[in-house]
N, C-alpha and C. Protein backbone atom coordinates (compact mmCIF):
# COMPACT_ATOMS: atom_id res chain seq x y z
N UNK A 1 6.64 -5.46 7.35
CA UNK A 1 7.48 -4.31 7.16
C UNK A 1 8.67 -4.43 8.13
N UNK A 2 9.17 -3.34 8.62
CA UNK A 2 10.29 -3.41 9.55
C UNK A 2 9.79 -3.76 10.93
N UNK A 3 10.68 -4.17 11.82
CA UNK A 3 10.27 -4.65 13.13
C UNK A 3 9.98 -3.53 14.12
N UNK A 4 10.62 -2.37 14.01
CA UNK A 4 10.36 -1.30 14.96
C UNK A 4 9.14 -0.49 14.53
N UNK A 5 8.54 0.23 15.47
CA UNK A 5 7.35 1.03 15.19
C UNK A 5 7.68 2.13 14.20
N UNK A 6 6.88 2.20 13.15
CA UNK A 6 7.09 3.19 12.11
C UNK A 6 5.87 4.08 11.98
N UNK A 7 6.09 5.22 11.38
CA UNK A 7 4.98 6.10 11.05
C UNK A 7 4.44 5.69 9.69
N UNK A 8 3.28 6.22 9.34
CA UNK A 8 2.71 5.95 8.02
C UNK A 8 3.68 6.46 6.94
N UNK A 9 4.30 7.60 7.18
CA UNK A 9 5.27 8.14 6.21
C UNK A 9 6.44 7.19 6.03
N UNK A 10 6.98 6.63 7.12
CA UNK A 10 8.08 5.67 7.03
C UNK A 10 7.68 4.48 6.15
N UNK A 11 6.49 3.96 6.41
CA UNK A 11 6.00 2.81 5.65
C UNK A 11 5.77 3.17 4.18
N UNK A 12 5.26 4.37 3.95
CA UNK A 12 5.01 4.84 2.59
C UNK A 12 6.32 4.90 1.79
N UNK A 13 7.36 5.47 2.38
CA UNK A 13 8.64 5.57 1.69
C UNK A 13 9.26 4.19 1.48
N UNK A 14 9.11 3.32 2.45
CA UNK A 14 9.60 1.94 2.34
C UNK A 14 8.88 1.24 1.18
N UNK A 15 7.55 1.42 1.10
CA UNK A 15 6.76 0.82 0.03
C UNK A 15 7.19 1.35 -1.33
N UNK A 16 7.35 2.65 -1.44
CA UNK A 16 7.77 3.23 -2.71
C UNK A 16 9.11 2.66 -3.16
N UNK A 17 10.07 2.63 -2.25
CA UNK A 17 11.40 2.12 -2.61
C UNK A 17 11.35 0.66 -3.03
N UNK A 18 10.58 -0.16 -2.34
CA UNK A 18 10.46 -1.57 -2.71
C UNK A 18 9.75 -1.76 -4.05
N UNK A 19 8.72 -0.96 -4.29
CA UNK A 19 8.01 -1.06 -5.57
C UNK A 19 8.89 -0.59 -6.73
N UNK A 20 9.71 0.42 -6.50
CA UNK A 20 10.63 0.88 -7.55
C UNK A 20 11.57 -0.25 -7.94
N UNK A 21 12.09 -0.95 -6.94
CA UNK A 21 13.01 -2.06 -7.21
C UNK A 21 12.28 -3.19 -7.93
N UNK A 22 11.09 -3.56 -7.47
CA UNK A 22 10.40 -4.71 -8.05
C UNK A 22 9.81 -4.42 -9.43
N UNK A 23 9.33 -3.19 -9.66
CA UNK A 23 8.71 -2.86 -10.95
C UNK A 23 9.70 -2.22 -11.93
N UNK A 24 10.78 -1.69 -11.40
CA UNK A 24 11.77 -1.06 -12.27
C UNK A 24 11.37 0.31 -12.78
N UNK A 25 10.38 0.92 -12.16
CA UNK A 25 10.03 2.29 -12.53
C UNK A 25 9.54 3.05 -11.31
N UNK A 26 9.63 4.37 -11.38
CA UNK A 26 9.29 5.25 -10.26
C UNK A 26 7.98 5.96 -10.58
N UNK A 27 6.89 5.18 -10.63
CA UNK A 27 5.59 5.74 -10.98
C UNK A 27 4.50 4.78 -10.50
N UNK A 28 3.66 5.25 -9.57
CA UNK A 28 2.68 4.36 -8.97
C UNK A 28 1.36 5.06 -8.71
N UNK A 29 0.29 4.28 -8.72
CA UNK A 29 -1.03 4.79 -8.37
C UNK A 29 -1.23 4.68 -6.86
N UNK A 30 -2.20 5.41 -6.37
CA UNK A 30 -2.54 5.30 -4.95
C UNK A 30 -2.94 3.87 -4.62
N UNK A 31 -3.69 3.24 -5.50
CA UNK A 31 -4.15 1.86 -5.28
C UNK A 31 -2.96 0.92 -5.12
N UNK A 32 -1.95 1.05 -5.98
CA UNK A 32 -0.76 0.18 -5.88
C UNK A 32 -0.06 0.33 -4.54
N UNK A 33 0.09 1.57 -4.10
CA UNK A 33 0.76 1.82 -2.82
C UNK A 33 -0.07 1.28 -1.66
N UNK A 34 -1.38 1.56 -1.68
CA UNK A 34 -2.25 1.05 -0.61
C UNK A 34 -2.22 -0.47 -0.57
N UNK A 35 -2.34 -1.11 -1.71
CA UNK A 35 -2.33 -2.57 -1.74
C UNK A 35 -1.02 -3.12 -1.18
N UNK A 36 0.09 -2.51 -1.55
CA UNK A 36 1.38 -2.97 -1.05
C UNK A 36 1.45 -2.83 0.47
N UNK A 37 1.08 -1.66 0.96
CA UNK A 37 1.17 -1.42 2.41
C UNK A 37 0.22 -2.33 3.18
N UNK A 38 -1.01 -2.49 2.70
CA UNK A 38 -1.98 -3.34 3.40
C UNK A 38 -1.57 -4.80 3.36
N UNK A 39 -1.02 -5.25 2.26
CA UNK A 39 -0.61 -6.66 2.17
C UNK A 39 0.65 -6.94 2.99
N UNK A 40 1.36 -5.89 3.38
CA UNK A 40 2.56 -6.07 4.20
C UNK A 40 2.34 -5.70 5.66
N UNK A 41 1.09 -5.64 6.07
CA UNK A 41 0.76 -5.54 7.49
C UNK A 41 0.84 -4.16 8.11
N UNK A 42 0.56 -3.12 7.35
CA UNK A 42 0.57 -1.78 7.94
C UNK A 42 -0.53 -1.64 8.99
N UNK A 43 -0.30 -0.80 9.97
CA UNK A 43 -1.33 -0.48 10.96
C UNK A 43 -2.16 0.72 10.50
N UNK A 44 -1.71 1.40 9.46
CA UNK A 44 -2.39 2.59 8.96
C UNK A 44 -3.65 2.21 8.18
N UNK A 45 -4.69 3.01 8.33
CA UNK A 45 -5.93 2.77 7.59
C UNK A 45 -5.76 3.24 6.15
N UNK A 46 -6.67 2.81 5.29
CA UNK A 46 -6.63 3.24 3.89
C UNK A 46 -6.76 4.75 3.78
N UNK A 47 -7.60 5.35 4.60
CA UNK A 47 -7.78 6.81 4.57
C UNK A 47 -6.50 7.54 4.99
N UNK A 48 -5.81 7.01 5.97
CA UNK A 48 -4.56 7.62 6.41
C UNK A 48 -3.50 7.52 5.32
N UNK A 49 -3.41 6.37 4.69
CA UNK A 49 -2.46 6.19 3.60
C UNK A 49 -2.76 7.17 2.47
N UNK A 50 -4.03 7.28 2.09
CA UNK A 50 -4.43 8.20 1.02
C UNK A 50 -4.10 9.64 1.38
N UNK A 51 -4.38 10.04 2.62
CA UNK A 51 -4.10 11.41 3.05
C UNK A 51 -2.60 11.71 2.97
N UNK A 52 -1.78 10.75 3.34
CA UNK A 52 -0.34 10.94 3.25
C UNK A 52 0.11 11.08 1.80
N UNK A 53 -0.42 10.24 0.93
CA UNK A 53 -0.03 10.31 -0.48
C UNK A 53 -0.53 11.60 -1.11
N UNK A 54 -1.81 11.89 -0.95
CA UNK A 54 -2.43 13.04 -1.64
C UNK A 54 -1.99 14.39 -1.10
N UNK A 55 -1.80 14.51 0.19
CA UNK A 55 -1.56 15.83 0.79
C UNK A 55 -0.27 15.93 1.59
N UNK A 56 -0.14 15.09 2.58
CA UNK A 56 0.92 15.27 3.57
C UNK A 56 2.31 15.08 3.01
N UNK A 57 2.49 14.16 2.07
CA UNK A 57 3.82 13.85 1.55
C UNK A 57 4.00 14.27 0.09
N UNK A 58 3.07 15.01 -0.46
CA UNK A 58 3.11 15.37 -1.87
C UNK A 58 3.59 16.82 -2.03
N UNK A 59 4.70 16.99 -2.73
CA UNK A 59 5.32 18.30 -2.89
C UNK A 59 4.43 19.29 -3.65
N UNK A 60 3.67 18.83 -4.62
CA UNK A 60 2.88 19.74 -5.43
C UNK A 60 1.38 19.70 -5.11
N UNK A 61 1.05 19.24 -3.91
CA UNK A 61 -0.35 19.22 -3.48
C UNK A 61 -0.69 20.49 -2.73
N UNK A 62 -1.96 20.84 -2.77
CA UNK A 62 -2.43 21.95 -1.95
C UNK A 62 -2.34 21.50 -0.49
N UNK A 63 -1.62 22.23 0.32
CA UNK A 63 -1.44 21.84 1.71
C UNK A 63 -2.72 22.07 2.49
N UNK A 64 -3.05 21.13 3.32
CA UNK A 64 -4.28 21.19 4.09
C UNK A 64 -3.98 21.53 5.54
N UNK A 65 -4.59 20.81 6.44
CA UNK A 65 -4.58 21.11 7.85
C UNK A 65 -3.45 20.45 8.62
N UNK A 66 -2.57 19.72 7.96
CA UNK A 66 -1.49 19.04 8.67
C UNK A 66 -0.43 20.05 9.11
N UNK A 67 0.02 19.91 10.34
CA UNK A 67 1.04 20.83 10.87
C UNK A 67 2.36 20.65 10.15
N UNK A 68 2.67 19.42 9.77
CA UNK A 68 3.92 19.12 9.08
C UNK A 68 3.61 18.47 7.75
N UNK A 69 4.23 18.99 6.70
CA UNK A 69 4.09 18.42 5.36
C UNK A 69 5.47 18.10 4.82
N UNK A 70 5.53 17.16 3.89
CA UNK A 70 6.79 16.70 3.33
C UNK A 70 6.75 16.77 1.81
N UNK A 71 7.90 16.85 1.21
CA UNK A 71 8.02 16.90 -0.25
C UNK A 71 8.54 15.57 -0.80
N UNK A 72 8.06 14.46 -0.26
CA UNK A 72 8.56 13.13 -0.63
C UNK A 72 8.09 12.68 -2.01
N UNK A 73 6.87 13.05 -2.38
CA UNK A 73 6.25 12.56 -3.62
C UNK A 73 5.88 13.73 -4.53
N UNK A 74 5.73 13.42 -5.80
CA UNK A 74 5.24 14.38 -6.77
C UNK A 74 4.10 13.72 -7.53
N UNK A 75 2.95 14.43 -7.62
CA UNK A 75 1.85 13.91 -8.41
C UNK A 75 2.08 14.29 -9.86
N UNK A 76 2.03 13.29 -10.72
CA UNK A 76 2.22 13.50 -12.15
C UNK A 76 0.90 13.87 -12.81
N UNK A 77 0.93 14.38 -14.02
CA UNK A 77 -0.29 14.80 -14.71
C UNK A 77 -1.27 13.66 -14.95
N UNK A 78 -0.79 12.44 -15.02
CA UNK A 78 -1.67 11.29 -15.27
C UNK A 78 -2.27 10.72 -13.99
N UNK A 79 -2.11 11.43 -12.86
CA UNK A 79 -2.67 10.98 -11.59
C UNK A 79 -1.81 9.98 -10.84
N UNK A 80 -0.68 9.63 -11.40
CA UNK A 80 0.26 8.75 -10.73
C UNK A 80 1.21 9.57 -9.88
N UNK A 81 1.91 8.89 -9.00
CA UNK A 81 2.85 9.56 -8.10
C UNK A 81 4.25 9.00 -8.32
N UNK A 82 5.24 9.85 -8.11
CA UNK A 82 6.63 9.47 -8.25
C UNK A 82 7.38 9.91 -7.00
N UNK A 83 8.41 9.18 -6.63
CA UNK A 83 9.23 9.56 -5.49
C UNK A 83 10.07 10.75 -5.91
N UNK A 84 10.05 11.81 -5.11
CA UNK A 84 10.79 13.03 -5.38
C UNK A 84 12.27 12.77 -5.14
N UNK A 85 13.07 12.88 -6.15
CA UNK A 85 14.51 12.57 -6.03
C UNK A 85 15.36 13.83 -5.91
N UNK A 86 14.75 14.98 -5.75
CA UNK A 86 15.50 16.24 -5.62
C UNK A 86 16.08 16.40 -4.25
């Protein structure tokens, strides 16, 4: 990934943007994102990545116990996620 220390959210957004470019579409499963991040040397665990996708960074998710939440992603009806472009 990048050379400076990043947060899981930074890496998640970087992964989404790179996958959009490589696949040509803005729609991904949790597995695709986790595989991309893990294969590119993330320090984040699979559980942390999932929590960020499902709750912390998802605009239409039920907010849980995180002090800060972001509207970076939108969960689609088919269980896939898309980068929020609003």
